[in-house]
Amino acid sequence: MSSPFFLQETGKILLLTAPLGIATTIILEMSQQLAFKHASGGERTKPLWMIIGAGLYVPQQLCWMFVLTILPLAIATPFLGASYVAVPFASSVLFKEKINAKGWLGICLIVAGIALISREVAP
């Protein structure tokens, strides 16, 4: 598979860029959600944090498009489920939100699903 973003000489480049692209996409998505939460918290909205959250959308989508040049959609999309794990953990740290039993069950199921899919992708 070739990509317009880099010259792929071996499969080693793919092994490095795909996980980095997915991780960057997840981090940008998580940051976007946290910025929106911060913008809506408190007694009044915070327009700067709304702008930051909206501004993170474009780089997140560009990064996602980059990932899709490397991996098939059916393989890449399930890995975005990791954002459903990252956001609750980050919100529990930053905003002191609690993760209840159903939340933990959901997180475990998401991690299990990602683990099953990653076994299919691994060489």
PDB file of N, CA and C in Angstrom:
ATOM      1  N   MET A   1       0.838  -1.182   0.000  1.00  0.00           N
ATOM      2  CA  MET A   1       0.000   0.000   0.000  1.00  0.00           C
ATOM      3  C   MET A   1       0.879   1.240   0.000  1.00  0.00           C
ATOM      4  N   SER A   2       0.629   2.170  -0.882  1.00  0.00           N
ATOM      5  CA  SER A   2       1.436   3.395  -0.887  1.00  0.00           C
ATOM      6  C   SER A   2       0.618   4.547  -0.313  1.00  0.00           C
ATOM      7  N   SER A   3       1.326   5.552   0.109  1.00  0.00           N
ATOM      8  CA  SER A   3       0.693   6.700   0.728  1.00  0.00           C
ATOM      9  C   SER A   3       1.308   7.966   0.171  1.00  0.00           C
ATOM     10  N   PRO A   4       0.508   9.011  -0.033  1.00  0.00           N
ATOM     11  CA  PRO A   4       1.079  10.267  -0.503  1.00  0.00           C
ATOM     12  C   PRO A   4       1.880  10.995   0.570  1.00  0.00           C
ATOM     13  N   PHE A   5       1.825  10.533   1.822  1.00  0.00           N
ATOM     14  CA  PHE A   5       2.480  11.239   2.917  1.00  0.00           C
ATOM     15  C   PHE A   5       3.913  10.789   3.155  1.00  0.00           C
ATOM     16  N   PHE A   6       4.288   9.639   2.683  1.00  0.00           N
ATOM     17  CA  PHE A   6       5.654   9.173   2.887  1.00  0.00           C
ATOM     18  C   PHE A   6       6.010   8.141   1.835  1.00  0.00           C
ATOM     19  N   LEU A   7       7.288   7.974   1.608  1.00  0.00           N
ATOM     20  CA  LEU A   7       7.776   6.965   0.688  1.00  0.00           C
ATOM     21  C   LEU A   7       7.944   5.673   1.466  1.00  0.00           C
ATOM     22  N   GLN A   8       7.135   4.690   1.161  1.00  0.00           N
ATOM     23  CA  GLN A   8       7.147   3.441   1.905  1.00  0.00           C
ATOM     24  C   GLN A   8       8.080   2.455   1.215  1.00  0.00           C
ATOM     25  N   GLU A   9       9.233   2.228   1.814  1.00  0.00           N
ATOM     26  CA  GLU A   9      10.197   1.288   1.252  1.00  0.00           C
ATOM     27  C   GLU A   9      10.015  -0.105   1.839  1.00  0.00           C
ATOM     28  N   THR A  10       9.633  -0.176   3.093  1.00  0.00           N
ATOM     29  CA  THR A  10       9.431  -1.471   3.739  1.00  0.00           C
ATOM     30  C   THR A  10       8.185  -1.405   4.611  1.00  0.00           C
ATOM     31  N   GLY A  11       7.792  -2.558   5.109  1.00  0.00           N
ATOM     32  CA  GLY A  11       6.659  -2.614   6.023  1.00  0.00           C
ATOM     33  C   GLY A  11       6.962  -2.020   7.382  1.00  0.00           C
ATOM     34  N   LYS A  12       8.256  -1.761   7.673  1.00  0.00           N
ATOM     35  CA  LYS A  12       8.625  -1.196   8.968  1.00  0.00           C
ATOM     36  C   LYS A  12       8.034   0.200   9.153  1.00  0.00           C
ATOM     37  N   ILE A  13       7.961   0.964   8.084  1.00  0.00           N
ATOM     38  CA  ILE A  13       7.377   2.310   8.175  1.00  0.00           C
ATOM     39  C   ILE A  13       5.911   2.202   8.570  1.00  0.00           C
ATOM     40  N   LEU A  14       5.215   1.249   7.984  1.00  0.00           N
ATOM     41  CA  LEU A  14       3.799   1.034   8.303  1.00  0.00           C
ATOM     42  C   LEU A  14       3.619   0.671   9.768  1.00  0.00           C
ATOM     43  N   LEU A  15       4.498  -0.168  10.299  1.00  0.00           N
ATOM     44  CA  LEU A  15       4.389  -0.583  11.689  1.00  0.00           C
ATOM     45  C   LEU A  15       4.560   0.578  12.656  1.00  0.00           C
ATOM     46  N   LEU A  16       5.273   1.620  12.248  1.00  0.00           N
ATOM     47  CA  LEU A  16       5.484   2.770  13.118  1.00  0.00           C
ATOM     48  C   LEU A  16       4.437   3.851  12.907  1.00  0.00           C
ATOM     49  N   THR A  17       4.132   4.175  11.662  1.00  0.00           N
ATOM     50  CA  THR A  17       3.249   5.310  11.397  1.00  0.00           C
ATOM     51  C   THR A  17       1.791   5.043  11.728  1.00  0.00           C
ATOM     52  N   ALA A  18       1.321   3.820  11.519  1.00  0.00           N
ATOM     53  CA  ALA A  18      -0.090   3.535  11.802  1.00  0.00           C
ATOM     54  C   ALA A  18      -0.412   3.711  13.284  1.00  0.00           C
ATOM     55  N   PRO A  19       0.344   3.098  14.209  1.00  0.00           N
ATOM     56  CA  PRO A  19       0.031   3.314  15.628  1.00  0.00           C
ATOM     57  C   PRO A  19       0.212   4.766  16.068  1.00  0.00           C
ATOM     58  N   LEU A  20       1.225   5.436  15.541  1.00  0.00           N
ATOM     59  CA  LEU A  20       1.413   6.849  15.904  1.00  0.00           C
ATOM     60  C   LEU A  20       0.257   7.702  15.403  1.00  0.00           C
ATOM     61  N   GLY A  21      -0.207   7.427  14.209  1.00  0.00           N
ATOM     62  CA  GLY A  21      -1.342   8.173  13.662  1.00  0.00           C
ATOM     63  C   GLY A  21      -2.618   7.930  14.450  1.00  0.00           C
ATOM     64  N   ILE A  22      -2.853   6.679  14.808  1.00  0.00           N
ATOM     65  CA  ILE A  22      -4.041   6.359  15.605  1.00  0.00           C
ATOM     66  C   ILE A  22      -3.941   6.990  16.984  1.00  0.00           C
ATOM     67  N   ALA A  23      -2.776   6.896  17.619  1.00  0.00           N
ATOM     68  CA  ALA A  23      -2.595   7.500  18.948  1.00  0.00           C
ATOM     69  C   ALA A  23      -2.785   9.008  18.898  1.00  0.00           C
ATOM     70  N   THR A  24      -2.249   9.651  17.882  1.00  0.00           N
ATOM     71  CA  THR A  24      -2.412  11.104  17.753  1.00  0.00           C
ATOM     72  C   THR A  24      -3.876  11.467  17.547  1.00  0.00           C
ATOM     73  N   THR A  25      -4.574  10.698  16.734  1.00  0.00           N
ATOM     74  CA  THR A  25      -6.001  10.942  16.519  1.00  0.00           C
ATOM     75  C   THR A  25      -6.772  10.816  17.828  1.00  0.00           C
ATOM     76  N   ILE A  26      -6.470   9.790  18.614  1.00  0.00           N
ATOM     77  CA  ILE A  26      -7.158   9.575  19.887  1.00  0.00           C
ATOM     78  C   ILE A  26      -6.842  10.697  20.870  1.00  0.00           C
ATOM     79  N   ILE A  27      -5.589  11.115  20.936  1.00  0.00           N
ATOM     80  CA  ILE A  27      -5.205  12.202  21.846  1.00  0.00           C
ATOM     81  C   ILE A  27      -5.894  13.504  21.456  1.00  0.00           C
ATOM     82  N   LEU A  28      -5.969  13.785  20.159  1.00  0.00           N
ATOM     83  CA  LEU A  28      -6.658  15.002  19.721  1.00  0.00           C
ATOM     84  C   LEU A  28      -8.155  14.931  20.024  1.00  0.00           C
ATOM     85  N   GLU A  29      -8.759  13.764  19.806  1.00  0.00           N
ATOM     86  CA  GLU A  29     -10.186  13.584  20.124  1.00  0.00           C
ATOM     87  C   GLU A  29     -10.439  13.766  21.618  1.00  0.00           C
ATOM     88  N   MET A  30      -9.581  13.167  22.446  1.00  0.00           N
ATOM     89  CA  MET A  30      -9.718  13.294  23.890  1.00  0.00           C
ATOM     90  C   MET A  30      -9.564  14.758  24.312  1.00  0.00           C
ATOM     91  N   SER A  31      -8.569  15.436  23.766  1.00  0.00           N
ATOM     92  CA  SER A  31      -8.340  16.847  24.098  1.00  0.00           C
ATOM     93  C   SER A  31      -9.522  17.705  23.695  1.00  0.00           C
ATOM     94  N   GLN A  32     -10.088  17.384  22.555  1.00  0.00           N
ATOM     95  CA  GLN A  32     -11.271  18.111  22.085  1.00  0.00           C
ATOM     96  C   GLN A  32     -12.431  17.948  23.067  1.00  0.00           C
ATOM     97  N   GLN A  33     -12.701  16.729  23.488  1.00  0.00           N
ATOM     98  CA  GLN A  33     -13.801  16.477  24.421  1.00  0.00           C
ATOM     99  C   GLN A  33     -13.558  17.158  25.769  1.00  0.00           C
ATOM    100  N   LEU A  34     -12.317  17.111  26.243  1.00  0.00           N
ATOM    101  CA  LEU A  34     -11.994  17.753  27.521  1.00  0.00           C
ATOM    102  C   LEU A  34     -12.114  19.268  27.429  1.00  0.00           C
ATOM    103  N   ALA A  35     -11.731  19.835  26.304  1.00  0.00           N
ATOM    104  CA  ALA A  35     -11.872  21.283  26.116  1.00  0.00           C
ATOM    105  C   ALA A  35     -13.343  21.686  26.122  1.00  0.00           C
ATOM    106  N   PHE A  36     -14.192  20.912  25.454  1.00  0.00           N
ATOM    107  CA  PHE A  36     -15.626  21.210  25.461  1.00  0.00           C
ATOM    108  C   PHE A  36     -16.217  21.079  26.863  1.00  0.00           C
ATOM    109  N   LYS A  37     -15.779  20.071  27.600  1.00  0.00           N
ATOM    110  CA  LYS A  37     -16.256  19.906  28.979  1.00  0.00           C
ATOM    111  C   LYS A  37     -15.842  21.105  29.832  1.00  0.00           C
ATOM    112  N   HIS A  38     -14.591  21.514  29.685  1.00  0.00           N
ATOM    113  CA  HIS A  38     -14.097  22.667  30.451  1.00  0.00           C
ATOM    114  C   HIS A  38     -14.848  23.941  30.052  1.00  0.00           C
ATOM    115  N   ALA A  39     -15.165  24.060  28.767  1.00  0.00           N
ATOM    116  CA  ALA A  39     -15.892  25.240  28.287  1.00  0.00           C
ATOM    117  C   ALA A  39     -17.293  25.319  28.877  1.00  0.00           C
ATOM    118  N   SER A  40     -17.915  24.176  29.101  1.00  0.00           N
ATOM    119  CA  SER A  40     -19.294  24.185  29.596  1.00  0.00           C
ATOM    120  C   SER A  40     -19.396  24.121  31.108  1.00  0.00           C
ATOM    121  N   GLY A  41     -18.285  23.930  31.794  1.00  0.00           N
ATOM    122  CA  GLY A  41     -18.307  23.808  33.246  1.00  0.00           C
ATOM    123  C   GLY A  41     -18.394  25.151  33.942  1.00  0.00           C
ATOM    124  N   GLY A  42     -18.848  25.118  35.162  1.00  0.00           N
ATOM    125  CA  GLY A  42     -18.914  26.334  35.965  1.00  0.00           C
ATOM    126  C   GLY A  42     -20.185  27.120  35.743  1.00  0.00           C
ATOM    127  N   GLU A  43     -20.148  28.363  36.195  1.00  0.00           N
ATOM    128  CA  GLU A  43     -21.335  29.211  36.145  1.00  0.00           C
ATOM    129  C   GLU A  43     -21.591  29.798  34.763  1.00  0.00           C
ATOM    130  N   ARG A  44     -20.528  29.962  33.980  1.00  0.00           N
ATOM    131  CA  ARG A  44     -20.724  30.508  32.637  1.00  0.00           C
ATOM    132  C   ARG A  44     -19.801  29.784  31.661  1.00  0.00           C
ATOM    133  N   THR A  45     -20.185  29.843  30.400  1.00  0.00           N
ATOM    134  CA  THR A  45     -19.360  29.168  29.392  1.00  0.00           C
ATOM    135  C   THR A  45     -18.064  29.941  29.182  1.00  0.00           C
ATOM    136  N   LYS A  46     -17.080  29.253  28.720  1.00  0.00           N
ATOM    137  CA  LYS A  46     -15.763  29.843  28.464  1.00  0.00           C
ATOM    138  C   LYS A  46     -15.494  29.775  26.969  1.00  0.00           C
ATOM    139  N   PRO A  47     -15.703  30.899  26.257  1.00  0.00           N
ATOM    140  CA  PRO A  47     -15.585  30.885  24.788  1.00  0.00           C
ATOM    141  C   PRO A  47     -14.214  30.452  24.282  1.00  0.00           C
ATOM    142  N   LEU A  48     -13.147  30.792  24.991  1.00  0.00           N
ATOM    143  CA  LEU A  48     -11.817  30.405  24.535  1.00  0.00           C
ATOM    144  C   LEU A  48     -11.695  28.880  24.464  1.00  0.00           C
ATOM    145  N   TRP A  49     -12.220  28.180  25.470  1.00  0.00           N
ATOM    146  CA  TRP A  49     -12.136  26.724  25.471  1.00  0.00           C
ATOM    147  C   TRP A  49     -13.038  26.110  24.407  1.00  0.00           C
ATOM    148  N   MET A  50     -14.143  26.779  24.071  1.00  0.00           N
ATOM    149  CA  MET A  50     -14.989  26.315  22.972  1.00  0.00           C
ATOM    150  C   MET A  50     -14.232  26.421  21.653  1.00  0.00           C
ATOM    151  N   ILE A  51     -13.505  27.518  21.470  1.00  0.00           N
ATOM    152  CA  ILE A  51     -12.725  27.722  20.253  1.00  0.00           C
ATOM    153  C   ILE A  51     -11.591  26.694  20.176  1.00  0.00           C
ATOM    154  N   ILE A  52     -10.941  26.434  21.309  1.00  0.00           N
ATOM    155  CA  ILE A  52      -9.870  25.435  21.337  1.00  0.00           C
ATOM    156  C   ILE A  52     -10.430  24.059  20.959  1.00  0.00           C
ATOM    157  N   GLY A  53     -11.550  23.690  21.550  1.00  0.00           N
ATOM    158  CA  GLY A  53     -12.163  22.396  21.229  1.00  0.00           C
ATOM    159  C   GLY A  53     -12.530  22.291  19.759  1.00  0.00           C
ATOM    160  N   ALA A  54     -13.142  23.341  19.224  1.00  0.00           N
ATOM    161  CA  ALA A  54     -13.502  23.333  17.802  1.00  0.00           C
ATOM    162  C   ALA A  54     -12.254  23.341  16.930  1.00  0.00           C
ATOM    163  N   GLY A  55     -11.230  24.051  17.365  1.00  0.00           N
ATOM    164  CA  GLY A  55      -9.995  24.128  16.592  1.00  0.00           C
ATOM    165  C   GLY A  55      -9.248  22.808  16.521  1.00  0.00           C
ATOM    166  N   LEU A  56      -9.443  21.954  17.503  1.00  0.00           N
ATOM    167  CA  LEU A  56      -8.797  20.643  17.497  1.00  0.00           C
ATOM    168  C   LEU A  56      -9.446  19.682  16.511  1.00  0.00           C
ATOM    169  N   TYR A  57     -10.633  20.045  16.037  1.00  0.00           N
ATOM    170  CA  TYR A  57     -11.344  19.160  15.118  1.00  0.00           C
ATOM    171  C   TYR A  57     -10.593  18.985  13.796  1.00  0.00           C
ATOM    172  N   VAL A  58     -10.091  20.063  13.241  1.00  0.00           N
ATOM    173  CA  VAL A  58      -9.417  19.993  11.935  1.00  0.00           C
ATOM    174  C   VAL A  58      -8.151  19.137  11.997  1.00  0.00           C
ATOM    175  N   PRO A  59      -7.225  19.379  12.943  1.00  0.00           N
ATOM    176  CA  PRO A  59      -6.053  18.502  12.970  1.00  0.00           C
ATOM    177  C   PRO A  59      -6.400  17.040  13.283  1.00  0.00           C
ATOM    178  N   GLN A  60      -7.446  16.835  14.075  1.00  0.00           N
ATOM    179  CA  GLN A  60      -7.858  15.465  14.373  1.00  0.00           C
ATOM    180  C   GLN A  60      -8.341  14.773  13.101  1.00  0.00           C
ATOM    181  N   GLN A  61      -9.121  15.462  12.304  1.00  0.00           N
ATOM    182  CA  GLN A  61      -9.616  14.868  11.064  1.00  0.00           C
ATOM    183  C   GLN A  61      -8.506  14.669  10.036  1.00  0.00           C
ATOM    184  N   LEU A  62      -7.559  15.596   9.975  1.00  0.00           N
ATOM    185  CA  LEU A  62      -6.424  15.431   9.066  1.00  0.00           C
ATOM    186  C   LEU A  62      -5.579  14.222   9.464  1.00  0.00           C
ATOM    187  N   CYS A  63      -5.378  14.064  10.747  1.00  0.00           N
ATOM    188  CA  CYS A  63      -4.626  12.913  11.238  1.00  0.00           C
ATOM    189  C   CYS A  63      -5.372  11.620  10.921  1.00  0.00           C
ATOM    190  N   TRP A  64      -6.669  11.637  11.073  1.00  0.00           N
ATOM    191  CA  TRP A  64      -7.487  10.465  10.776  1.00  0.00           C
ATOM    192  C   TRP A  64      -7.412  10.119   9.290  1.00  0.00           C
ATOM    193  N   MET A  65      -7.451  11.132   8.439  1.00  0.00           N
ATOM    194  CA  MET A  65      -7.331  10.886   7.005  1.00  0.00           C
ATOM    195  C   MET A  65      -5.973  10.276   6.676  1.00  0.00           C
ATOM    196  N   PHE A  66      -4.930  10.728   7.369  1.00  0.00           N
ATOM    197  CA  PHE A  66      -3.602  10.143   7.198  1.00  0.00           C
ATOM    198  C   PHE A  66      -3.612   8.668   7.569  1.00  0.00           C
ATOM    199  N   VAL A  67      -4.252   8.341   8.688  1.00  0.00           N
ATOM    200  CA  VAL A  67      -4.336   6.938   9.122  1.00  0.00           C
ATOM    201  C   VAL A  67      -5.046   6.112   8.057  1.00  0.00           C
ATOM    202  N   LEU A  68      -6.087   6.673   7.455  1.00  0.00           N
ATOM    203  CA  LEU A  68      -6.846   5.925   6.453  1.00  0.00           C
ATOM    204  C   LEU A  68      -6.071   5.715   5.165  1.00  0.00           C
ATOM    205  N   THR A  69      -4.997   6.488   4.940  1.00  0.00           N
ATOM    206  CA  THR A  69      -4.146   6.215   3.786  1.00  0.00           C
ATOM    207  C   THR A  69      -3.237   5.018   4.049  1.00  0.00           C
ATOM    208  N   ILE A  70      -3.092   4.656   5.318  1.00  0.00           N
ATOM    209  CA  ILE A  70      -2.197   3.569   5.700  1.00  0.00           C
ATOM    210  C   ILE A  70      -2.960   2.269   5.925  1.00  0.00           C
ATOM    211  N   LEU A  71      -4.093   2.368   6.612  1.00  0.00           N
ATOM    212  CA  LEU A  71      -4.851   1.175   7.017  1.00  0.00           C
ATOM    213  C   LEU A  71      -6.221   1.145   6.360  1.00  0.00           C
ATOM    214  N   PRO A  72      -6.776  -0.040   6.168  1.00  0.00           N
ATOM    215  CA  PRO A  72      -8.166  -0.131   5.715  1.00  0.00           C
ATOM    216  C   PRO A  72      -9.114   0.406   6.791  1.00  0.00           C
ATOM    217  N   LEU A  73     -10.219   0.952   6.364  1.00  0.00           N
ATOM    218  CA  LEU A  73     -11.205   1.523   7.283  1.00  0.00           C
ATOM    219  C   LEU A  73     -11.686   0.509   8.308  1.00  0.00           C
ATOM    220  N   ALA A  74     -11.914  -0.728   7.879  1.00  0.00           N
ATOM    221  CA  ALA A  74     -12.417  -1.766   8.776  1.00  0.00           C
ATOM    222  C   ALA A  74     -11.427  -2.106   9.885  1.00  0.00           C
ATOM    223  N   ILE A  75     -10.148  -1.870   9.658  1.00  0.00           N
ATOM    224  CA  ILE A  75      -9.134  -2.123  10.681  1.00  0.00           C
ATOM    225  C   ILE A  75      -8.942  -0.892  11.554  1.00  0.00           C
ATOM    226  N   ALA A  76      -8.894   0.291  10.950  1.00  0.00           N
ATOM    227  CA  ALA A  76      -8.574   1.524  11.681  1.00  0.00           C
ATOM    228  C   ALA A  76      -9.703   1.983  12.605  1.00  0.00           C
ATOM    229  N   THR A  77     -10.925   1.894  12.148  1.00  0.00           N
ATOM    230  CA  THR A  77     -12.050   2.451  12.902  1.00  0.00           C
ATOM    231  C   THR A  77     -12.206   1.874  14.312  1.00  0.00           C
ATOM    232  N   PRO A  78     -12.124   0.569  14.505  1.00  0.00           N
ATOM    233  CA  PRO A  78     -12.291   0.064  15.874  1.00  0.00           C
ATOM    234  C   PRO A  78     -11.264   0.608  16.872  1.00  0.00           C
ATOM    235  N   PHE A  79     -10.083   0.983  16.398  1.00  0.00           N
ATOM    236  CA  PHE A  79      -9.071   1.511  17.307  1.00  0.00           C
ATOM    237  C   PHE A  79      -9.474   2.870  17.873  1.00  0.00           C
ATOM    238  N   LEU A  80     -10.389   3.571  17.189  1.00  0.00           N
ATOM    239  CA  LEU A  80     -10.877   4.837  17.739  1.00  0.00           C
ATOM    240  C   LEU A  80     -11.690   4.618  19.008  1.00  0.00           C
ATOM    241  N   GLY A  81     -12.104   3.391  19.240  1.00  0.00           N
ATOM    242  CA  GLY A  81     -12.799   3.077  20.486  1.00  0.00           C
ATOM    243  C   GLY A  81     -11.952   3.377  21.709  1.00  0.00           C
ATOM    244  N   ALA A  82     -10.654   3.442  21.522  1.00  0.00           N
ATOM    245  CA  ALA A  82      -9.768   3.766  22.640  1.00  0.00           C
ATOM    246  C   ALA A  82     -10.039   5.164  23.181  1.00  0.00           C
ATOM    247  N   SER A  83     -10.632   6.034  22.370  1.00  0.00           N
ATOM    248  CA  SER A  83     -10.984   7.364  22.891  1.00  0.00           C
ATOM    249  C   SER A  83     -12.100   7.253  23.930  1.00  0.00           C
ATOM    250  N   TYR A  84     -12.936   6.199  23.812  1.00  0.00           N
ATOM    251  CA  TYR A  84     -13.981   5.972  24.815  1.00  0.00           C
ATOM    252  C   TYR A  84     -13.395   5.437  26.117  1.00  0.00           C
ATOM    253  N   VAL A  85     -12.142   5.044  26.083  1.00  0.00           N
ATOM    254  CA  VAL A  85     -11.423   4.649  27.285  1.00  0.00           C
ATOM    255  C   VAL A  85     -10.638   5.842  27.825  1.00  0.00           C
ATOM    256  N   ALA A  86      -9.992   6.576  26.933  1.00  0.00           N
ATOM    257  CA  ALA A  86      -9.130   7.697  27.335  1.00  0.00           C
ATOM    258  C   ALA A  86      -9.926   8.846  27.947  1.00  0.00           C
ATOM    259  N   VAL A  87     -11.082   9.165  27.386  1.00  0.00           N
ATOM    260  CA  VAL A  87     -11.865  10.313  27.878  1.00  0.00           C
ATOM    261  C   VAL A  87     -12.336  10.097  29.319  1.00  0.00           C
ATOM    262  N   PRO A  88     -12.914   8.950  29.681  1.00  0.00           N
ATOM    263  CA  PRO A  88     -13.302   8.784  31.089  1.00  0.00           C
ATOM    264  C   PRO A  88     -12.126   8.847  32.058  1.00  0.00           C
ATOM    265  N   PHE A  89     -10.991   8.248  31.671  1.00  0.00           N
ATOM    266  CA  PHE A  89      -9.826   8.308  32.552  1.00  0.00           C
ATOM    267  C   PHE A  89      -9.345   9.742  32.723  1.00  0.00           C
ATOM    268  N   ALA A  90      -9.264  10.478  31.623  1.00  0.00           N
ATOM    269  CA  ALA A  90      -8.804  11.865  31.704  1.00  0.00           C
ATOM    270  C   ALA A  90      -9.788  12.731  32.478  1.00  0.00           C
ATOM    271  N   SER A  91     -11.089  12.516  32.280  1.00  0.00           N
ATOM    272  CA  SER A  91     -12.072  13.321  33.007  1.00  0.00           C
ATOM    273  C   SER A  91     -12.085  12.973  34.497  1.00  0.00           C
ATOM    274  N   SER A  92     -11.739  11.734  34.831  1.00  0.00           N
ATOM    275  CA  SER A  92     -11.665  11.402  36.253  1.00  0.00           C
ATOM    276  C   SER A  92     -10.466  12.069  36.908  1.00  0.00           C
ATOM    277  N   VAL A  93      -9.393  12.245  36.152  1.00  0.00           N
ATOM    278  CA  VAL A  93      -8.205  12.911  36.689  1.00  0.00           C
ATOM    279  C   VAL A  93      -8.407  14.428  36.721  1.00  0.00           C
ATOM    280  N   LEU A  94      -8.849  15.002  35.618  1.00  0.00           N
ATOM    281  CA  LEU A  94      -8.942  16.468  35.517  1.00  0.00           C
ATOM    282  C   LEU A  94     -10.168  17.052  36.206  1.00  0.00           C
ATOM    283  N   PHE A  95     -11.305  16.373  36.070  1.00  0.00           N
ATOM    284  CA  PHE A  95     -12.554  16.931  36.582  1.00  0.00           C
ATOM    285  C   PHE A  95     -13.098  16.179  37.793  1.00  0.00           C
ATOM    286  N   LYS A  96     -12.343  15.196  38.274  1.00  0.00           N
ATOM    287  CA  LYS A  96     -12.733  14.392  39.447  1.00  0.00           C
ATOM    288  C   LYS A  96     -14.073  13.686  39.243  1.00  0.00           C
ATOM    289  N   GLU A  97     -14.355  13.294  38.006  1.00  0.00           N
ATOM    290  CA  GLU A  97     -15.576  12.549  37.729  1.00  0.00           C
ATOM    291  C   GLU A  97     -15.362  11.077  38.083  1.00  0.00           C
ATOM    292  N   LYS A  98     -16.392  10.441  38.579  1.00  0.00           N
ATOM    293  CA  LYS A  98     -16.306   9.039  38.991  1.00  0.00           C
ATOM    294  C   LYS A  98     -16.689   8.133  37.828  1.00  0.00           C
ATOM    295  N   ILE A  99     -16.023   6.990  37.731  1.00  0.00           N
ATOM    296  CA  ILE A  99     -16.375   5.958  36.754  1.00  0.00           C
ATOM    297  C   ILE A  99     -17.118   4.875  37.524  1.00  0.00           C
ATOM    298  N   ASN A 100     -18.408   4.688  37.192  1.00  0.00           N
ATOM    299  CA  ASN A 100     -19.211   3.701  37.923  1.00  0.00           C
ATOM    300  C   ASN A 100     -18.987   2.297  37.369  1.00  0.00           C
ATOM    301  N   ALA A 101     -19.657   1.309  37.938  1.00  0.00           N
ATOM    302  CA  ALA A 101     -19.460  -0.091  37.560  1.00  0.00           C
ATOM    303  C   ALA A 101     -19.804  -0.334  36.091  1.00  0.00           C
ATOM    304  N   LYS A 102     -20.887   0.281  35.612  1.00  0.00           N
ATOM    305  CA  LYS A 102     -21.246   0.123  34.202  1.00  0.00           C
ATOM    306  C   LYS A 102     -20.181   0.739  33.304  1.00  0.00           C
ATOM    307  N   GLY A 103     -19.626   1.841  33.750  1.00  0.00           N
ATOM    308  CA  GLY A 103     -18.546   2.475  32.993  1.00  0.00           C
ATOM    309  C   GLY A 103     -17.323   1.585  32.898  1.00  0.00           C
ATOM    310  N   TRP A 104     -16.959   0.956  34.017  1.00  0.00           N
ATOM    311  CA  TRP A 104     -15.820   0.040  34.019  1.00  0.00           C
ATOM    312  C   TRP A 104     -16.081  -1.168  33.132  1.00  0.00           C
ATOM    313  N   LEU A 105     -17.302  -1.681  33.171  1.00  0.00           N
ATOM    314  CA  LEU A 105     -17.659  -2.817  32.307  1.00  0.00           C
ATOM    315  C   LEU A 105     -17.516  -2.420  30.833  1.00  0.00           C
ATOM    316  N   GLY A 106     -18.027  -1.252  30.492  1.00  0.00           N
ATOM    317  CA  GLY A 106     -17.914  -0.768  29.120  1.00  0.00           C
ATOM    318  C   GLY A 106     -16.469  -0.589  28.690  1.00  0.00           C
ATOM    319  N   ILE A 107     -15.654  -0.034  29.583  1.00  0.00           N
ATOM    320  CA  ILE A 107     -14.228   0.152  29.285  1.00  0.00           C
ATOM    321  C   ILE A 107     -13.567  -1.208  29.048  1.00  0.00           C
ATOM    322  N   CYS A 108     -13.886  -2.184  29.880  1.00  0.00           N
ATOM    323  CA  CYS A 108     -13.303  -3.523  29.718  1.00  0.00           C
ATOM    324  C   CYS A 108     -13.725  -4.152  28.388  1.00  0.00           C
ATOM    325  N   LEU A 109     -14.985  -3.985  28.011  1.00  0.00           N
ATOM    326  CA  LEU A 109     -15.462  -4.541  26.741  1.00  0.00           C
ATOM    327  C   LEU A 109     -14.772  -3.857  25.550  1.00  0.00           C
ATOM    328  N   ILE A 110     -14.585  -2.544  25.628  1.00  0.00           N
ATOM    329  CA  ILE A 110     -13.898  -1.825  24.556  1.00  0.00           C
ATOM    330  C   ILE A 110     -12.461  -2.305  24.425  1.00  0.00           C
ATOM    331  N   VAL A 111     -11.775  -2.417  25.549  1.00  0.00           N
ATOM    332  CA  VAL A 111     -10.379  -2.888  25.526  1.00  0.00           C
ATOM    333  C   VAL A 111     -10.316  -4.309  24.969  1.00  0.00           C
ATOM    334  N   ALA A 112     -11.253  -5.157  25.356  1.00  0.00           N
ATOM    335  CA  ALA A 112     -11.273  -6.528  24.835  1.00  0.00           C
ATOM    336  C   ALA A 112     -11.498  -6.522  23.322  1.00  0.00           C
ATOM    337  N   GLY A 113     -12.397  -5.690  22.855  1.00  0.00           N
ATOM    338  CA  GLY A 113     -12.653  -5.599  21.413  1.00  0.00           C
ATOM    339  C   GLY A 113     -11.433  -5.115  20.642  1.00  0.00           C
ATOM    340  N   ILE A 114     -10.768  -4.116  21.179  1.00  0.00           N
ATOM    341  CA  ILE A 114      -9.557  -3.612  20.527  1.00  0.00           C
ATOM    342  C   ILE A 114      -8.480  -4.693  20.522  1.00  0.00           C
ATOM    343  N   ALA A 115      -8.364  -5.433  21.617  1.00  0.00           N
ATOM    344  CA  ALA A 115      -7.368  -6.515  21.692  1.00  0.00           C
ATOM    345  C   ALA A 115      -7.653  -7.596  20.656  1.00  0.00           C
ATOM    346  N   LEU A 116      -8.931  -7.944  20.473  1.00  0.00           N
ATOM    347  CA  LEU A 116      -9.278  -8.951  19.487  1.00  0.00           C
ATOM    348  C   LEU A 116      -8.960  -8.489  18.063  1.00  0.00           C
ATOM    349  N   ILE A 117      -9.262  -7.239  17.777  1.00  0.00           N
ATOM    350  CA  ILE A 117      -8.995  -6.711  16.440  1.00  0.00           C
ATOM    351  C   ILE A 117      -7.501  -6.571  16.199  1.00  0.00           C
ATOM    352  N   SER A 118      -6.754  -6.153  17.219  1.00  0.00           N
ATOM    353  CA  SER A 118      -5.319  -5.977  17.018  1.00  0.00           C
ATOM    354  C   SER A 118      -4.633  -7.316  16.779  1.00  0.00           C
ATOM    355  N   ARG A 119      -5.155  -8.404  17.297  1.00  0.00           N
ATOM    356  CA  ARG A 119      -4.580  -9.728  17.038  1.00  0.00           C
ATOM    357  C   ARG A 119      -4.754 -10.085  15.572  1.00  0.00           C
ATOM    358  N   GLU A 120      -5.859  -9.627  14.971  1.00  0.00           N
ATOM    359  CA  GLU A 120      -6.102  -9.887  13.557  1.00  0.00           C
ATOM    360  C   GLU A 120      -5.118  -9.093  12.685  1.00  0.00           C
ATOM    361  N   VAL A 121      -4.735  -7.915  13.144  1.00  0.00           N
ATOM    362  CA  VAL A 121      -3.854  -7.037  12.375  1.00  0.00           C
ATOM    363  C   VAL A 121      -2.403  -7.447  12.522  1.00  0.00           C
ATOM    364  N   ALA A 122      -2.033  -7.964  13.680  1.00  0.00           N
ATOM    365  CA  ALA A 122      -0.621  -8.296  13.963  1.00  0.00           C
ATOM    366  C   ALA A 122      -0.115  -9.338  12.972  1.00  0.00           C
ATOM    367  N   PRO A 123       1.158  -9.190  12.560  1.00  0.00           N
ATOM    368  CA  PRO A 123       1.726 -10.125  11.574  1.00  0.00           C
ATOM    369  C   PRO A 123       1.914 -11.517  12.155  1.00  0.00           C
TER     370      PRO A 123
END
